[in-house]
Amino acid sequence: MSESISADVTIDARGSACPGPLMDLIGKVKKGDPGTIYKLQTSDRGSMEDVPEWVEKAGHELMETVEHEDHWDIYIKKTE
């Protein structure tokens, strides 16, 4: 588990079902500035596929995924 990444924006989507966490992330990223680091907290297993696919398609950077007992933290950096 990495404590070295400091998120600028945390999106707590724990308890939300697919596609909720991804939609929450997309909404925040669209409003943010390039270079912003987002931490998506999700308990939905579908996010483990949906989020990386969207990040790649949108051209952002998937920095790290940290698994916890009851959720995942997915760190994304917004590019241009």
C-alpha atoms as a PDB file:
ATOM      1  CA  MET A   1       0.000   0.000   0.000  1.00  0.00           C
ATOM      2  CA  SER A   2       1.366   3.341  -1.032  1.00  0.00           C
ATOM      3  CA  GLU A   3       1.020   6.339   1.198  1.00  0.00           C
ATOM      4  CA  SER A   4       3.254   8.349  -1.153  1.00  0.00           C
ATOM      5  CA  ILE A   5       0.423   9.474  -3.433  1.00  0.00           C
ATOM      6  CA  SER A   6      -1.399  12.522  -2.148  1.00  0.00           C
ATOM      7  CA  ALA A   7      -4.794  12.978  -3.779  1.00  0.00           C
ATOM      8  CA  ASP A   8      -6.090  16.441  -4.528  1.00  0.00           C
ATOM      9  CA  VAL A   9      -9.684  15.178  -4.749  1.00  0.00           C
ATOM     10  CA  THR A  10     -11.221  12.151  -2.998  1.00  0.00           C
ATOM     11  CA  ILE A  11     -14.392  10.626  -4.408  1.00  0.00           C
ATOM     12  CA  ASP A  12     -16.076   8.306  -1.913  1.00  0.00           C
ATOM     13  CA  ALA A  13     -18.277   6.013  -4.005  1.00  0.00           C
ATOM     14  CA  ARG A  14     -18.231   3.106  -1.559  1.00  0.00           C
ATOM     15  CA  GLY A  15     -21.592   1.369  -1.528  1.00  0.00           C
ATOM     16  CA  SER A  16     -22.499   2.653  -4.985  1.00  0.00           C
ATOM     17  CA  ALA A  17     -23.166   0.057  -7.692  1.00  0.00           C
ATOM     18  CA  CYS A  18     -21.801   0.084 -11.225  1.00  0.00           C
ATOM     19  CA  PRO A  19     -21.728   2.423 -13.120  1.00  0.00           C
ATOM     20  CA  GLY A  20     -22.069   4.882 -10.225  1.00  0.00           C
ATOM     21  CA  PRO A  21     -18.408   5.061  -9.149  1.00  0.00           C
ATOM     22  CA  LEU A  22     -17.213   5.556 -12.736  1.00  0.00           C
ATOM     23  CA  MET A  23     -19.823   8.230 -13.405  1.00  0.00           C
ATOM     24  CA  ASP A  24     -18.854  10.051 -10.191  1.00  0.00           C
ATOM     25  CA  LEU A  25     -15.207   9.954 -11.294  1.00  0.00           C
ATOM     26  CA  ILE A  26     -15.935  11.178 -14.825  1.00  0.00           C
ATOM     27  CA  GLY A  27     -17.982  14.094 -13.503  1.00  0.00           C
ATOM     28  CA  LYS A  28     -15.201  15.258 -11.188  1.00  0.00           C
ATOM     29  CA  VAL A  29     -12.385  14.765 -13.713  1.00  0.00           C
ATOM     30  CA  LYS A  30     -14.212  16.775 -16.394  1.00  0.00           C
ATOM     31  CA  LYS A  31     -14.381  19.764 -14.030  1.00  0.00           C
ATOM     32  CA  GLY A  32     -10.776  19.465 -12.832  1.00  0.00           C
ATOM     33  CA  ASP A  33      -7.502  20.892 -14.039  1.00  0.00           C
ATOM     34  CA  PRO A  34      -4.700  18.922 -15.718  1.00  0.00           C
ATOM     35  CA  GLY A  35      -2.315  17.480 -13.140  1.00  0.00           C
ATOM     36  CA  THR A  36      -5.047  16.940 -10.556  1.00  0.00           C
ATOM     37  CA  ILE A  37      -4.806  13.605  -8.737  1.00  0.00           C
ATOM     38  CA  TYR A  38      -8.069  11.857  -7.884  1.00  0.00           C
ATOM     39  CA  LYS A  39      -8.627   9.046  -5.412  1.00  0.00           C
ATOM     40  CA  LEU A  40     -11.727   7.014  -6.169  1.00  0.00           C
ATOM     41  CA  GLN A  41     -12.867   4.899  -3.237  1.00  0.00           C
ATOM     42  CA  THR A  42     -15.082   2.088  -4.493  1.00  0.00           C
ATOM     43  CA  SER A  43     -16.477  -1.153  -3.127  1.00  0.00           C
ATOM     44  CA  ASP A  44     -17.827  -2.183  -6.542  1.00  0.00           C
ATOM     45  CA  ARG A  45     -15.708  -4.925  -8.141  1.00  0.00           C
ATOM     46  CA  GLY A  46     -16.827  -3.773 -11.614  1.00  0.00           C
ATOM     47  CA  SER A  47     -14.843  -0.579 -11.107  1.00  0.00           C
ATOM     48  CA  MET A  48     -11.649  -2.623 -11.304  1.00  0.00           C
ATOM     49  CA  GLU A  49     -12.305  -3.075 -15.037  1.00  0.00           C
ATOM     50  CA  ASP A  50     -14.437  -0.032 -15.882  1.00  0.00           C
ATOM     51  CA  VAL A  51     -12.168   2.630 -14.430  1.00  0.00           C
ATOM     52  CA  PRO A  52      -8.877   1.513 -16.069  1.00  0.00           C
ATOM     53  CA  GLU A  53     -10.666   1.138 -19.425  1.00  0.00           C
ATOM     54  CA  TRP A  54     -12.090   4.660 -19.203  1.00  0.00           C
ATOM     55  CA  VAL A  55      -8.801   6.155 -17.975  1.00  0.00           C
ATOM     56  CA  GLU A  56      -6.942   4.680 -20.954  1.00  0.00           C
ATOM     57  CA  LYS A  57      -9.636   5.718 -23.437  1.00  0.00           C
ATOM     58  CA  ALA A  58      -9.753   9.265 -22.023  1.00  0.00           C
ATOM     59  CA  GLY A  59      -5.949   9.545 -22.052  1.00  0.00           C
ATOM     60  CA  HIS A  60      -5.445  10.032 -18.325  1.00  0.00           C
ATOM     61  CA  GLU A  61      -2.943   8.201 -16.109  1.00  0.00           C
ATOM     62  CA  LEU A  62      -3.834   5.297 -13.835  1.00  0.00           C
ATOM     63  CA  MET A  63      -1.306   5.752 -11.049  1.00  0.00           C
ATOM     64  CA  GLU A  64      -2.096   2.982  -8.590  1.00  0.00           C
ATOM     65  CA  THR A  65      -4.806   0.739  -7.195  1.00  0.00           C
ATOM     66  CA  VAL A  66      -4.722  -0.116  -3.500  1.00  0.00           C
ATOM     67  CA  GLU A  67      -6.863  -2.950  -2.176  1.00  0.00           C
ATOM     68  CA  HIS A  68      -8.322  -2.661   1.310  1.00  0.00           C
ATOM     69  CA  GLU A  69     -10.460  -5.138   3.230  1.00  0.00           C
ATOM     70  CA  ASP A  70     -13.761  -3.667   2.063  1.00  0.00           C
ATOM     71  CA  HIS A  71     -12.905  -1.361  -0.858  1.00  0.00           C
ATOM     72  CA  TRP A  72     -10.308  -0.196  -3.354  1.00  0.00           C
ATOM     73  CA  ASP A  73      -8.583   3.157  -3.729  1.00  0.00           C
ATOM     74  CA  ILE A  74      -7.892   3.935  -7.376  1.00  0.00           C
ATOM     75  CA  TYR A  75      -5.548   6.861  -8.048  1.00  0.00           C
ATOM     76  CA  ILE A  76      -5.928   8.709 -11.347  1.00  0.00           C
ATOM     77  CA  LYS A  77      -4.016  11.721 -12.662  1.00  0.00           C
ATOM     78  CA  LYS A  78      -5.806  13.991 -15.118  1.00  0.00           C
ATOM     79  CA  THR A  79      -3.790  14.832 -18.202  1.00  0.00           C
ATOM     80  CA  GLU A  80      -4.620  17.548 -20.761  1.00  0.00           C
END
